[in-house]
Amino acid sequence: MSLFKYDYKQVIVVRSDLKMSKGKLAVQVAHASVSSFYKTLIEKPEYAKEWLNNKQPKVVVKVSGLKELYEVRDKADELGLITAVIQDAGLTELPPGTVTCIGIGPAPKHIIDEVTGELKLL
């Protein structure tokens, strides 16, 4: 049983069509986690604090491509969730500016699940 009013989590949504190496994928997910956390810290500090105090749970899910990624982002934005779109610098595997993933939250789990609950784990 949680000690908090809501359980909090962060979700990273990754494009599966890019076929990134494991190392590239790990770095992109890390960028999304840090970027969306930082935006949350500024815009909804109460969410950031609760998440930090709740063991910082993260889930990584996948979508088929860019169109689906933006659909997820748009739905998250409609619900007032903080999102961060990650674009690759283009120094290794991908062309510069390639959108690889998005970070959502941290935020209350029940809100994030409205957006990402049906997506498959990576």
PDB file of N, CA and C in Angstrom:
ATOM      1  N   MET A   1       0.827  -1.184   0.000  1.00  0.00           N
ATOM      2  CA  MET A   1       0.000   0.000   0.000  1.00  0.00           C
ATOM      3  C   MET A   1       0.874   1.252   0.000  1.00  0.00           C
ATOM      4  N   SER A   2       0.539   2.184  -0.865  1.00  0.00           N
ATOM      5  CA  SER A   2       1.327   3.400  -1.004  1.00  0.00           C
ATOM      6  C   SER A   2       1.070   4.349   0.158  1.00  0.00           C
ATOM      7  N   LEU A   3       2.103   5.080   0.535  1.00  0.00           N
ATOM      8  CA  LEU A   3       1.973   6.107   1.556  1.00  0.00           C
ATOM      9  C   LEU A   3       1.486   7.423   0.959  1.00  0.00           C
ATOM     10  N   PHE A   4       1.352   7.476  -0.366  1.00  0.00           N
ATOM     11  CA  PHE A   4       1.014   8.696  -1.068  1.00  0.00           C
ATOM     12  C   PHE A   4      -0.425   8.646  -1.551  1.00  0.00           C
ATOM     13  N   LYS A   5      -0.992   9.830  -1.785  1.00  0.00           N
ATOM     14  CA  LYS A   5      -2.368   9.917  -2.258  1.00  0.00           C
ATOM     15  C   LYS A   5      -2.539   9.183  -3.589  1.00  0.00           C
ATOM     16  N   TYR A   6      -1.573   9.325  -4.478  1.00  0.00           N
ATOM     17  CA  TYR A   6      -1.579   8.638  -5.771  1.00  0.00           C
ATOM     18  C   TYR A   6      -0.237   7.961  -5.961  1.00  0.00           C
ATOM     19  N   ASP A   7      -0.250   6.900  -6.736  1.00  0.00           N
ATOM     20  CA  ASP A   7       1.016   6.350  -7.192  1.00  0.00           C
ATOM     21  C   ASP A   7       1.442   7.171  -8.398  1.00  0.00           C
ATOM     22  N   TYR A   8       2.719   7.443  -8.505  1.00  0.00           N
ATOM     23  CA  TYR A   8       3.278   8.241  -9.578  1.00  0.00           C
ATOM     24  C   TYR A   8       4.207   7.380 -10.421  1.00  0.00           C
ATOM     25  N   LYS A   9       4.278   7.701 -11.706  1.00  0.00           N
ATOM     26  CA  LYS A   9       5.235   7.032 -12.572  1.00  0.00           C
ATOM     27  C   LYS A   9       5.574   7.933 -13.737  1.00  0.00           C
ATOM     28  N   GLN A  10       6.582   7.512 -14.457  1.00  0.00           N
ATOM     29  CA  GLN A  10       6.997   8.168 -15.686  1.00  0.00           C
ATOM     30  C   GLN A  10       6.980   7.109 -16.776  1.00  0.00           C
ATOM     31  N   VAL A  11       6.556   7.487 -17.972  1.00  0.00           N
ATOM     32  CA  VAL A  11       6.543   6.551 -19.092  1.00  0.00           C
ATOM     33  C   VAL A  11       7.355   7.139 -20.238  1.00  0.00           C
ATOM     34  N   ILE A  12       8.188   6.305 -20.824  1.00  0.00           N
ATOM     35  CA  ILE A  12       8.950   6.673 -22.009  1.00  0.00           C
ATOM     36  C   ILE A  12       8.362   5.874 -23.172  1.00  0.00           C
ATOM     37  N   VAL A  13       8.006   6.578 -24.241  1.00  0.00           N
ATOM     38  CA  VAL A  13       7.406   5.957 -25.421  1.00  0.00           C
ATOM     39  C   VAL A  13       8.430   6.023 -26.553  1.00  0.00           C
ATOM     40  N   VAL A  14       8.800   4.852 -27.080  1.00  0.00           N
ATOM     41  CA  VAL A  14       9.878   4.731 -28.059  1.00  0.00           C
ATOM     42  C   VAL A  14       9.330   4.269 -29.412  1.00  0.00           C
ATOM     43  N   ARG A  15       9.858   4.836 -30.464  1.00  0.00           N
ATOM     44  CA  ARG A  15       9.518   4.396 -31.824  1.00  0.00           C
ATOM     45  C   ARG A  15      10.220   3.061 -32.104  1.00  0.00           C
ATOM     46  N   SER A  16       9.450   2.046 -32.471  1.00  0.00           N
ATOM     47  CA  SER A  16      10.050   0.740 -32.767  1.00  0.00           C
ATOM     48  C   SER A  16      10.492   0.617 -34.222  1.00  0.00           C
ATOM     49  N   ASP A  17      10.095   1.548 -35.071  1.00  0.00           N
ATOM     50  CA  ASP A  17      10.451   1.472 -36.489  1.00  0.00           C
ATOM     51  C   ASP A  17      11.885   1.906 -36.780  1.00  0.00           C
ATOM     52  N   LEU A  18      12.561   2.528 -35.833  1.00  0.00           N
ATOM     53  CA  LEU A  18      13.906   3.053 -36.088  1.00  0.00           C
ATOM     54  C   LEU A  18      15.007   2.006 -35.975  1.00  0.00           C
ATOM     55  N   LYS A  19      14.742   0.905 -35.310  1.00  0.00           N
ATOM     56  CA  LYS A  19      15.727  -0.177 -35.163  1.00  0.00           C
ATOM     57  C   LYS A  19      17.069   0.343 -34.639  1.00  0.00           C
ATOM     58  N   MET A  20      17.017   1.107 -33.546  1.00  0.00           N
ATOM     59  CA  MET A  20      18.234   1.623 -32.915  1.00  0.00           C
ATOM     60  C   MET A  20      18.990   0.502 -32.217  1.00  0.00           C
ATOM     61  N   SER A  21      20.299   0.645 -32.138  1.00  0.00           N
ATOM     62  CA  SER A  21      21.092  -0.312 -31.366  1.00  0.00           C
ATOM     63  C   SER A  21      20.685  -0.182 -29.902  1.00  0.00           C
ATOM     64  N   LYS A  22      21.036  -1.176 -29.091  1.00  0.00           N
ATOM     65  CA  LYS A  22      20.671  -1.135 -27.671  1.00  0.00           C
ATOM     66  C   LYS A  22      21.282   0.065 -26.967  1.00  0.00           C
ATOM     67  N   GLY A  23      22.505   0.395 -27.318  1.00  0.00           N
ATOM     68  CA  GLY A  23      23.160   1.546 -26.700  1.00  0.00           C
ATOM     69  C   GLY A  23      22.472   2.850 -27.064  1.00  0.00           C
ATOM     70  N   LYS A  24      22.169   3.032 -28.346  1.00  0.00           N
ATOM     71  CA  LYS A  24      21.479   4.239 -28.813  1.00  0.00           C
ATOM     72  C   LYS A  24      20.114   4.348 -28.141  1.00  0.00           C
ATOM     73  N   LEU A  25      19.395   3.230 -28.077  1.00  0.00           N
ATOM     74  CA  LEU A  25      18.074   3.204 -27.453  1.00  0.00           C
ATOM     75  C   LEU A  25      18.164   3.607 -25.979  1.00  0.00           C
ATOM     76  N   ALA A  26      19.142   3.056 -25.271  1.00  0.00           N
ATOM     77  CA  ALA A  26      19.302   3.370 -23.850  1.00  0.00           C
ATOM     78  C   ALA A  26      19.546   4.863 -23.644  1.00  0.00           C
ATOM     79  N   VAL A  27      20.364   5.458 -24.486  1.00  0.00           N
ATOM     80  CA  VAL A  27      20.670   6.883 -24.360  1.00  0.00           C
ATOM     81  C   VAL A  27      19.441   7.732 -24.662  1.00  0.00           C
ATOM     82  N   GLN A  28      18.671   7.364 -25.675  1.00  0.00           N
ATOM     83  CA  GLN A  28      17.476   8.128 -26.016  1.00  0.00           C
ATOM     84  C   GLN A  28      16.444   8.066 -24.884  1.00  0.00           C
ATOM     85  N   VAL A  29      16.281   6.888 -24.304  1.00  0.00           N
ATOM     86  CA  VAL A  29      15.362   6.724 -23.170  1.00  0.00           C
ATOM     87  C   VAL A  29      15.846   7.564 -21.980  1.00  0.00           C
ATOM     88  N   ALA A  30      17.143   7.582 -21.746  1.00  0.00           N
ATOM     89  CA  ALA A  30      17.688   8.396 -20.651  1.00  0.00           C
ATOM     90  C   ALA A  30      17.424   9.877 -20.898  1.00  0.00           C
ATOM     91  N   HIS A  31      17.623  10.337 -22.126  1.00  0.00           N
ATOM     92  CA  HIS A  31      17.332  11.740 -22.464  1.00  0.00           C
ATOM     93  C   HIS A  31      15.869  12.061 -22.177  1.00  0.00           C
ATOM     94  N   ALA A  32      14.967  11.165 -22.583  1.00  0.00           N
ATOM     95  CA  ALA A  32      13.534  11.398 -22.383  1.00  0.00           C
ATOM     96  C   ALA A  32      13.188  11.445 -20.900  1.00  0.00           C
ATOM     97  N   SER A  33      13.774  10.556 -20.115  1.00  0.00           N
ATOM     98  CA  SER A  33      13.496  10.523 -18.686  1.00  0.00           C
ATOM     99  C   SER A  33      13.940  11.810 -18.009  1.00  0.00           C
ATOM    100  N   VAL A  34      15.164  12.217 -18.273  1.00  0.00           N
ATOM    101  CA  VAL A  34      15.698  13.424 -17.643  1.00  0.00           C
ATOM    102  C   VAL A  34      14.944  14.661 -18.119  1.00  0.00           C
ATOM    103  N   SER A  35      14.695  14.753 -19.414  1.00  0.00           N
ATOM    104  CA  SER A  35      14.032  15.939 -19.964  1.00  0.00           C
ATOM    105  C   SER A  35      12.613  16.103 -19.436  1.00  0.00           C
ATOM    106  N   SER A  36      11.848  15.023 -19.411  1.00  0.00           N
ATOM    107  CA  SER A  36      10.473  15.165 -18.925  1.00  0.00           C
ATOM    108  C   SER A  36      10.432  15.375 -17.410  1.00  0.00           C
ATOM    109  N   PHE A  37      11.381  14.771 -16.688  1.00  0.00           N
ATOM    110  CA  PHE A  37      11.452  15.040 -15.249  1.00  0.00           C
ATOM    111  C   PHE A  37      11.758  16.515 -14.993  1.00  0.00           C
ATOM    112  N   TYR A  38      12.718  17.059 -15.728  1.00  0.00           N
ATOM    113  CA  TYR A  38      13.115  18.455 -15.514  1.00  0.00           C
ATOM    114  C   TYR A  38      11.950  19.399 -15.824  1.00  0.00           C
ATOM    115  N   LYS A  39      11.236  19.147 -16.916  1.00  0.00           N
ATOM    116  CA  LYS A  39      10.072  19.977 -17.239  1.00  0.00           C
ATOM    117  C   LYS A  39       9.003  19.863 -16.145  1.00  0.00           C
ATOM    118  N   THR A  40       8.820  18.649 -15.630  1.00  0.00           N
ATOM    119  CA  THR A  40       7.845  18.443 -14.562  1.00  0.00           C
ATOM    120  C   THR A  40       8.271  19.180 -13.298  1.00  0.00           C
ATOM    121  N   LEU A  41       9.547  19.137 -12.983  1.00  0.00           N
ATOM    122  CA  LEU A  41      10.072  19.827 -11.806  1.00  0.00           C
ATOM    123  C   LEU A  41       9.760  21.320 -11.867  1.00  0.00           C
ATOM    124  N   ILE A  42       9.835  21.895 -13.051  1.00  0.00           N
ATOM    125  CA  ILE A  42       9.563  23.323 -13.223  1.00  0.00           C
ATOM    126  C   ILE A  42       8.059  23.608 -13.243  1.00  0.00           C
ATOM    127  N   GLU A  43       7.297  22.802 -13.995  1.00  0.00           N
ATOM    128  CA  GLU A  43       5.889  23.102 -14.235  1.00  0.00           C
ATOM    129  C   GLU A  43       4.929  22.498 -13.203  1.00  0.00           C
ATOM    130  N   LYS A  44       5.278  21.336 -12.655  1.00  0.00           N
ATOM    131  CA  LYS A  44       4.417  20.678 -11.658  1.00  0.00           C
ATOM    132  C   LYS A  44       5.305  20.070 -10.567  1.00  0.00           C
ATOM    133  N   PRO A  45       5.936  20.917  -9.774  1.00  0.00           N
ATOM    134  CA  PRO A  45       6.910  20.414  -8.799  1.00  0.00           C
ATOM    135  C   PRO A  45       6.327  19.411  -7.810  1.00  0.00           C
ATOM    136  N   GLU A  46       5.034  19.506  -7.519  1.00  0.00           N
ATOM    137  CA  GLU A  46       4.432  18.540  -6.593  1.00  0.00           C
ATOM    138  C   GLU A  46       4.465  17.128  -7.175  1.00  0.00           C
ATOM    139  N   TYR A  47       4.296  16.998  -8.497  1.00  0.00           N
ATOM    140  CA  TYR A  47       4.397  15.686  -9.156  1.00  0.00           C
ATOM    141  C   TYR A  47       5.830  15.163  -9.070  1.00  0.00           C
ATOM    142  N   ALA A  48       6.789  16.037  -9.343  1.00  0.00           N
ATOM    143  CA  ALA A  48       8.192  15.631  -9.296  1.00  0.00           C
ATOM    144  C   ALA A  48       8.579  15.149  -7.902  1.00  0.00           C
ATOM    145  N   LYS A  49       8.138  15.878  -6.889  1.00  0.00           N
ATOM    146  CA  LYS A  49       8.477  15.517  -5.507  1.00  0.00           C
ATOM    147  C   LYS A  49       7.871  14.167  -5.124  1.00  0.00           C
ATOM    148  N   GLU A  50       6.600  13.973  -5.434  1.00  0.00           N
ATOM    149  CA  GLU A  50       5.948  12.701  -5.104  1.00  0.00           C
ATOM    150  C   GLU A  50       6.637  11.532  -5.800  1.00  0.00           C
ATOM    151  N   TRP A  51       6.988  11.718  -7.064  1.00  0.00           N
ATOM    152  CA  TRP A  51       7.663  10.664  -7.836  1.00  0.00           C
ATOM    153  C   TRP A  51       9.026  10.342  -7.233  1.00  0.00           C
ATOM    154  N   LEU A  52       9.782  11.370  -6.884  1.00  0.00           N
ATOM    155  CA  LEU A  52      11.094  11.143  -6.269  1.00  0.00           C
ATOM    156  C   LEU A  52      10.969  10.381  -4.956  1.00  0.00           C
ATOM    157  N   ASN A  53       9.913  10.664  -4.215  1.00  0.00           N
ATOM    158  CA  ASN A  53       9.707  10.000  -2.931  1.00  0.00           C
ATOM    159  C   ASN A  53       9.046   8.629  -3.063  1.00  0.00           C
ATOM    160  N   ASN A  54       8.677   8.261  -4.270  1.00  0.00           N
ATOM    161  CA  ASN A  54       7.970   7.007  -4.520  1.00  0.00           C
ATOM    162  C   ASN A  54       8.805   6.054  -5.378  1.00  0.00           C
ATOM    163  N   LYS A  55      10.124   6.090  -5.200  1.00  0.00           N
ATOM    164  CA  LYS A  55      11.075   5.185  -5.856  1.00  0.00           C
ATOM    165  C   LYS A  55      11.209   5.387  -7.357  1.00  0.00           C
ATOM    166  N   GLN A  56      10.732   6.488  -7.895  1.00  0.00           N
ATOM    167  CA  GLN A  56      10.932   6.901  -9.280  1.00  0.00           C
ATOM    168  C   GLN A  56      10.584   5.825 -10.310  1.00  0.00           C
ATOM    169  N   PRO A  57       9.394   5.238 -10.254  1.00  0.00           N
ATOM    170  CA  PRO A  57       9.059   4.186 -11.210  1.00  0.00           C
ATOM    171  C   PRO A  57       8.992   4.709 -12.644  1.00  0.00           C
ATOM    172  N   LYS A  58       9.523   3.895 -13.557  1.00  0.00           N
ATOM    173  CA  LYS A  58       9.549   4.210 -14.986  1.00  0.00           C
ATOM    174  C   LYS A  58       9.113   2.988 -15.772  1.00  0.00           C
ATOM    175  N   VAL A  59       8.419   3.234 -16.871  1.00  0.00           N
ATOM    176  CA  VAL A  59       8.003   2.165 -17.775  1.00  0.00           C
ATOM    177  C   VAL A  59       8.385   2.606 -19.180  1.00  0.00           C
ATOM    178  N   VAL A  60       8.897   1.678 -19.986  1.00  0.00           N
ATOM    179  CA  VAL A  60       9.236   1.979 -21.380  1.00  0.00           C
ATOM    180  C   VAL A  60       8.330   1.150 -22.273  1.00  0.00           C
ATOM    181  N   VAL A  61       7.597   1.852 -23.134  1.00  0.00           N
ATOM    182  CA  VAL A  61       6.663   1.211 -24.054  1.00  0.00           C
ATOM    183  C   VAL A  61       7.029   1.595 -25.485  1.00  0.00           C
ATOM    184  N   LYS A  62       6.367   0.946 -26.438  1.00  0.00           N
ATOM    185  CA  LYS A  62       6.720   1.213 -27.836  1.00  0.00           C
ATOM    186  C   LYS A  62       5.493   1.552 -28.665  1.00  0.00           C
ATOM    187  N   VAL A  63       5.760   2.291 -29.732  1.00  0.00           N
ATOM    188  CA  VAL A  63       4.769   2.581 -30.759  1.00  0.00           C
ATOM    189  C   VAL A  63       5.392   2.238 -32.104  1.00  0.00           C
ATOM    190  N   SER A  64       4.547   2.136 -33.129  1.00  0.00           N
ATOM    191  CA  SER A  64       5.029   1.679 -34.437  1.00  0.00           C
ATOM    192  C   SER A  64       5.808   2.723 -35.213  1.00  0.00           C
ATOM    193  N   GLY A  65       5.552   4.000 -34.966  1.00  0.00           N
ATOM    194  CA  GLY A  65       6.244   5.017 -35.745  1.00  0.00           C
ATOM    195  C   GLY A  65       5.935   6.420 -35.263  1.00  0.00           C
ATOM    196  N   LEU A  66       6.362   7.390 -36.064  1.00  0.00           N
ATOM    197  CA  LEU A  66       6.259   8.795 -35.685  1.00  0.00           C
ATOM    198  C   LEU A  66       4.815   9.249 -35.532  1.00  0.00           C
ATOM    199  N   LYS A  67       3.938   8.848 -36.432  1.00  0.00           N
ATOM    200  CA  LYS A  67       2.534   9.269 -36.360  1.00  0.00           C
ATOM    201  C   LYS A  67       1.914   8.833 -35.032  1.00  0.00           C
ATOM    202  N   GLU A  68       2.120   7.575 -34.662  1.00  0.00           N
ATOM    203  CA  GLU A  68       1.561   7.071 -33.409  1.00  0.00           C
ATOM    204  C   GLU A  68       2.205   7.757 -32.200  1.00  0.00           C
ATOM    205  N   LEU A  69       3.490   8.053 -32.294  1.00  0.00           N
ATOM    206  CA  LEU A  69       4.179   8.756 -31.209  1.00  0.00           C
ATOM    207  C   LEU A  69       3.546  10.119 -30.967  1.00  0.00           C
ATOM    208  N   TYR A  70       3.279  10.851 -32.044  1.00  0.00           N
ATOM    209  CA  TYR A  70       2.657  12.172 -31.899  1.00  0.00           C
ATOM    210  C   TYR A  70       1.212  12.072 -31.422  1.00  0.00           C
ATOM    211  N   GLU A  71       0.514  11.014 -31.780  1.00  0.00           N
ATOM    212  CA  GLU A  71      -0.851  10.813 -31.272  1.00  0.00           C
ATOM    213  C   GLU A  71      -0.830  10.626 -29.757  1.00  0.00           C
ATOM    214  N   VAL A  72       0.124   9.845 -29.271  1.00  0.00           N
ATOM    215  CA  VAL A  72       0.272   9.638 -27.826  1.00  0.00           C
ATOM    216  C   VAL A  72       0.626  10.959 -27.148  1.00  0.00           C
ATOM    217  N   ARG A  73       1.567  11.695 -27.721  1.00  0.00           N
ATOM    218  CA  ARG A  73       1.961  12.997 -27.161  1.00  0.00           C
ATOM    219  C   ARG A  73       0.767  13.947 -27.096  1.00  0.00           C
ATOM    220  N   ASP A  74      -0.012  14.000 -28.177  1.00  0.00           N
ATOM    221  CA  ASP A  74      -1.162  14.908 -28.220  1.00  0.00           C
ATOM    222  C   ASP A  74      -2.201  14.549 -27.154  1.00  0.00           C
ATOM    223  N   LYS A  75      -2.443  13.257 -26.969  1.00  0.00           N
ATOM    224  CA  LYS A  75      -3.396  12.824 -25.951  1.00  0.00           C
ATOM    225  C   LYS A  75      -2.886  13.178 -24.548  1.00  0.00           C
ATOM    226  N   ALA A  76      -1.582  12.985 -24.331  1.00  0.00           N
ATOM    227  CA  ALA A  76      -0.983  13.353 -23.040  1.00  0.00           C
ATOM    228  C   ALA A  76      -1.114  14.853 -22.793  1.00  0.00           C
ATOM    229  N   ASP A  77      -0.851  15.643 -23.821  1.00  0.00           N
ATOM    230  CA  ASP A  77      -0.967  17.094 -23.689  1.00  0.00           C
ATOM    231  C   ASP A  77      -2.403  17.499 -23.350  1.00  0.00           C
ATOM    232  N   GLU A  78      -3.380  16.841 -23.977  1.00  0.00           N
ATOM    233  CA  GLU A  78      -4.790  17.145 -23.723  1.00  0.00           C
ATOM    234  C   GLU A  78      -5.163  16.906 -22.259  1.00  0.00           C
ATOM    235  N   LEU A  79      -4.513  15.918 -21.633  1.00  0.00           N
ATOM    236  CA  LEU A  79      -4.799  15.600 -20.233  1.00  0.00           C
ATOM    237  C   LEU A  79      -3.940  16.417 -19.264  1.00  0.00           C
ATOM    238  N   GLY A  80      -3.139  17.325 -19.807  1.00  0.00           N
ATOM    239  CA  GLY A  80      -2.316  18.180 -18.954  1.00  0.00           C
ATOM    240  C   GLY A  80      -1.046  17.528 -18.449  1.00  0.00           C
ATOM    241  N   LEU A  81      -0.635  16.436 -19.081  1.00  0.00           N
ATOM    242  CA  LEU A  81       0.612  15.775 -18.688  1.00  0.00           C
ATOM    243  C   LEU A  81       1.805  16.490 -19.314  1.00  0.00           C
ATOM    244  N   ILE A  82       2.915  16.468 -18.617  1.00  0.00           N
ATOM    245  CA  ILE A  82       4.149  17.049 -19.138  1.00  0.00           C
ATOM    246  C   ILE A  82       4.785  16.044 -20.090  1.00  0.00           C
ATOM    247  N   THR A  83       5.195  16.522 -21.265  1.00  0.00           N
ATOM    248  CA  THR A  83       5.854  15.654 -22.239  1.00  0.00           C
ATOM    249  C   THR A  83       7.139  16.304 -22.721  1.00  0.00           C
ATOM    250  N   ALA A  84       8.058  15.458 -23.150  1.00  0.00           N
ATOM    251  CA  ALA A  84       9.307  15.928 -23.744  1.00  0.00           C
ATOM    252  C   ALA A  84       9.586  15.089 -24.982  1.00  0.00           C
ATOM    253  N   VAL A  85       9.656  15.739 -26.131  1.00  0.00           N
ATOM    254  CA  VAL A  85       9.961  15.063 -27.393  1.00  0.00           C
ATOM    255  C   VAL A  85      11.479  15.074 -27.565  1.00  0.00           C
ATOM    256  N   ILE A  86      12.043  13.906 -27.856  1.00  0.00           N
ATOM    257  CA  ILE A  86      13.493  13.779 -27.985  1.00  0.00           C
ATOM    258  C   ILE A  86      13.875  13.638 -29.456  1.00  0.00           C
ATOM    259  N   GLN A  87      14.790  14.492 -29.894  1.00  0.00           N
ATOM    260  CA  GLN A  87      15.314  14.444 -31.259  1.00  0.00           C
ATOM    261  C   GLN A  87      16.798  14.112 -31.188  1.00  0.00           C
ATOM    262  N   ASP A  88      17.227  13.185 -32.018  1.00  0.00           N
ATOM    263  CA  ASP A  88      18.622  12.773 -32.024  1.00  0.00           C
ATOM    264  C   ASP A  88      19.505  13.849 -32.647  1.00  0.00           C
ATOM    265  N   ALA A  89      20.717  13.969 -32.145  1.00  0.00           N
ATOM    266  CA  ALA A  89      21.670  14.958 -32.663  1.00  0.00           C
ATOM    267  C   ALA A  89      22.240  14.553 -34.019  1.00  0.00           C
ATOM    268  N   GLY A  90      22.132  13.273 -34.367  1.00  0.00           N
ATOM    269  CA  GLY A  90      22.605  12.833 -35.673  1.00  0.00           C
ATOM    270  C   GLY A  90      24.094  12.562 -35.760  1.00  0.00           C
ATOM    271  N   LEU A  91      24.727  12.308 -34.636  1.00  0.00           N
ATOM    272  CA  LEU A  91      26.178  12.086 -34.649  1.00  0.00           C
ATOM    273  C   LEU A  91      26.571  10.633 -34.897  1.00  0.00           C
ATOM    274  N   THR A  92      25.631   9.707 -34.765  1.00  0.00           N
ATOM    275  CA  THR A  92      25.993   8.288 -34.928  1.00  0.00           C
ATOM    276  C   THR A  92      25.066   7.572 -35.899  1.00  0.00           C
ATOM    277  N   GLU A  93      23.956   7.039 -35.419  1.00  0.00           N
ATOM    278  CA  GLU A  93      23.131   6.127 -36.212  1.00  0.00           C
ATOM    279  C   GLU A  93      21.999   6.763 -37.003  1.00  0.00           C
ATOM    280  N   LEU A  94      21.529   7.904 -36.570  1.00  0.00           N
ATOM    281  CA  LEU A  94      20.316   8.489 -37.140  1.00  0.00           C
ATOM    282  C   LEU A  94      20.594   9.868 -37.730  1.00  0.00           C
ATOM    283  N   PRO A  95      19.794  10.273 -38.708  1.00  0.00           N
ATOM    284  CA  PRO A  95      19.946  11.631 -39.236  1.00  0.00           C
ATOM    285  C   PRO A  95      19.623  12.670 -38.167  1.00  0.00           C
ATOM    286  N   PRO A  96      20.274  13.836 -38.224  1.00  0.00           N
ATOM    287  CA  PRO A  96      19.998  14.890 -37.245  1.00  0.00           C
ATOM    288  C   PRO A  96      18.512  15.248 -37.217  1.00  0.00           C
ATOM    289  N   GLY A  97      17.994  15.420 -36.001  1.00  0.00           N
ATOM    290  CA  GLY A  97      16.604  15.824 -35.836  1.00  0.00           C
ATOM    291  C   GLY A  97      15.595  14.690 -35.820  1.00  0.00           C
ATOM    292  N   THR A  98      16.055  13.453 -35.974  1.00  0.00           N
ATOM    293  CA  THR A  98      15.130  12.319 -35.932  1.00  0.00           C
ATOM    294  C   THR A  98      14.470  12.239 -34.568  1.00  0.00           C
ATOM    295  N   VAL A  99      13.141  12.245 -34.546  1.00  0.00           N
ATOM    296  CA  VAL A  99      12.407  12.098 -33.291  1.00  0.00           C
ATOM    297  C   VAL A  99      12.431  10.620 -32.912  1.00  0.00           C
ATOM    298  N   THR A 100      12.973  10.324 -31.729  1.00  0.00           N
ATOM    299  CA  THR A 100      13.163   8.930 -31.313  1.00  0.00           C
ATOM    300  C   THR A 100      12.159   8.459 -30.265  1.00  0.00           C
ATOM    301  N   CYS A 101      11.778   9.352 -29.358  1.00  0.00           N
ATOM    302  CA  CYS A 101      10.911   8.949 -28.257  1.00  0.00           C
ATOM    303  C   CYS A 101      10.349  10.180 -27.563  1.00  0.00           C
ATOM    304  N   ILE A 102       9.432   9.928 -26.640  1.00  0.00           N
ATOM    305  CA  ILE A 102       8.926  10.996 -25.773  1.00  0.00           C
ATOM    306  C   ILE A 102       8.935  10.507 -24.335  1.00  0.00           C
ATOM    307  N   GLY A 103       9.124  11.443 -23.446  1.00  0.00           N
ATOM    308  CA  GLY A 103       8.947  11.175 -22.028  1.00  0.00           C
ATOM    309  C   GLY A 103       7.625  11.772 -21.594  1.00  0.00           C
ATOM    310  N   ILE A 104       6.914  11.067 -20.747  1.00  0.00           N
ATOM    311  CA  ILE A 104       5.662  11.559 -20.191  1.00  0.00           C
ATOM    312  C   ILE A 104       5.763  11.493 -18.667  1.00  0.00           C
ATOM    313  N   GLY A 105       5.533  12.644 -18.042  1.00  0.00           N
ATOM    314  CA  GLY A 105       5.560  12.687 -16.592  1.00  0.00           C
ATOM    315  C   GLY A 105       6.951  12.873 -16.029  1.00  0.00           C
ATOM    316  N   PRO A 106       7.031  12.641 -14.729  1.00  0.00           N
ATOM    317  CA  PRO A 106       6.151  11.875 -13.857  1.00  0.00           C
ATOM    318  C   PRO A 106       4.830  12.585 -13.556  1.00  0.00           C
ATOM    319  N   ALA A 107       3.848  11.715 -13.274  1.00  0.00           N
ATOM    320  CA  ALA A 107       2.498  12.176 -12.968  1.00  0.00           C
ATOM    321  C   ALA A 107       1.754  11.028 -12.288  1.00  0.00           C
ATOM    322  N   PRO A 108       0.563  11.320 -11.757  1.00  0.00           N
ATOM    323  CA  PRO A 108      -0.216  10.231 -11.173  1.00  0.00           C
ATOM    324  C   PRO A 108      -0.446   9.108 -12.184  1.00  0.00           C
ATOM    325  N   LYS A 109      -0.226   7.906 -11.719  1.00  0.00           N
ATOM    326  CA  LYS A 109      -0.313   6.717 -12.567  1.00  0.00           C
ATOM    327  C   LYS A 109      -1.655   6.614 -13.289  1.00  0.00           C
ATOM    328  N   HIS A 110      -2.745   6.921 -12.608  1.00  0.00           N
ATOM    329  CA  HIS A 110      -4.067   6.746 -13.218  1.00  0.00           C
ATOM    330  C   HIS A 110      -4.280   7.683 -14.405  1.00  0.00           C
ATOM    331  N   ILE A 111      -3.606   8.834 -14.414  1.00  0.00           N
ATOM    332  CA  ILE A 111      -3.726   9.747 -15.552  1.00  0.00           C
ATOM    333  C   ILE A 111      -2.860   9.250 -16.710  1.00  0.00           C
ATOM    334  N   ILE A 112      -1.620   8.895 -16.426  1.00  0.00           N
ATOM    335  CA  ILE A 112      -0.723   8.395 -17.482  1.00  0.00           C
ATOM    336  C   ILE A 112      -1.293   7.134 -18.116  1.00  0.00           C
ATOM    337  N   ASP A 113      -1.906   6.272 -17.313  1.00  0.00           N
ATOM    338  CA  ASP A 113      -2.471   5.034 -17.853  1.00  0.00           C
ATOM    339  C   ASP A 113      -3.591   5.285 -18.866  1.00  0.00           C
ATOM    340  N   GLU A 114      -4.264   6.437 -18.762  1.00  0.00           N
ATOM    341  CA  GLU A 114      -5.277   6.782 -19.760  1.00  0.00           C
ATOM    342  C   GLU A 114      -4.655   6.951 -21.142  1.00  0.00           C
ATOM    343  N   VAL A 115      -3.388   7.328 -21.177  1.00  0.00           N
ATOM    344  CA  VAL A 115      -2.685   7.584 -22.435  1.00  0.00           C
ATOM    345  C   VAL A 115      -1.885   6.370 -22.896  1.00  0.00           C
ATOM    346  N   THR A 116      -1.193   5.718 -21.973  1.00  0.00           N
ATOM    347  CA  THR A 116      -0.216   4.687 -22.355  1.00  0.00           C
ATOM    348  C   THR A 116      -0.588   3.281 -21.891  1.00  0.00           C
ATOM    349  N   GLY A 117      -1.686   3.139 -21.193  1.00  0.00           N
ATOM    350  CA  GLY A 117      -2.045   1.849 -20.591  1.00  0.00           C
ATOM    351  C   GLY A 117      -2.203   0.703 -21.573  1.00  0.00           C
ATOM    352  N   GLU A 118      -2.536   0.990 -22.813  1.00  0.00           N
ATOM    353  CA  GLU A 118      -2.749  -0.057 -23.812  1.00  0.00           C
ATOM    354  C   GLU A 118      -1.507  -0.334 -24.659  1.00  0.00           C
ATOM    355  N   LEU A 119      -0.450   0.453 -24.490  1.00  0.00           N
ATOM    356  CA  LEU A 119       0.764   0.275 -25.299  1.00  0.00           C
ATOM    357  C   LEU A 119       1.579  -0.904 -24.778  1.00  0.00           C
ATOM    358  N   LYS A 120       2.264  -1.570 -25.694  1.00  0.00           N
ATOM    359  CA  LYS A 120       3.070  -2.739 -25.335  1.00  0.00           C
ATOM    360  C   LYS A 120       4.411  -2.319 -24.760  1.00  0.00           C
ATOM    361  N   LEU A 121       4.880  -3.100 -23.786  1.00  0.00           N
ATOM    362  CA  LEU A 121       6.207  -2.857 -23.220  1.00  0.00           C
ATOM    363  C   LEU A 121       7.261  -3.069 -24.294  1.00  0.00           C
ATOM    364  N   LEU A 122       8.334  -2.309 -24.195  1.00  0.00           N
ATOM    365  CA  LEU A 122       9.426  -2.438 -25.166  1.00  0.00           C
ATOM    366  C   LEU A 122      10.146  -3.751 -24.947  1.00  0.00           C
TER     367      LEU A 122
END
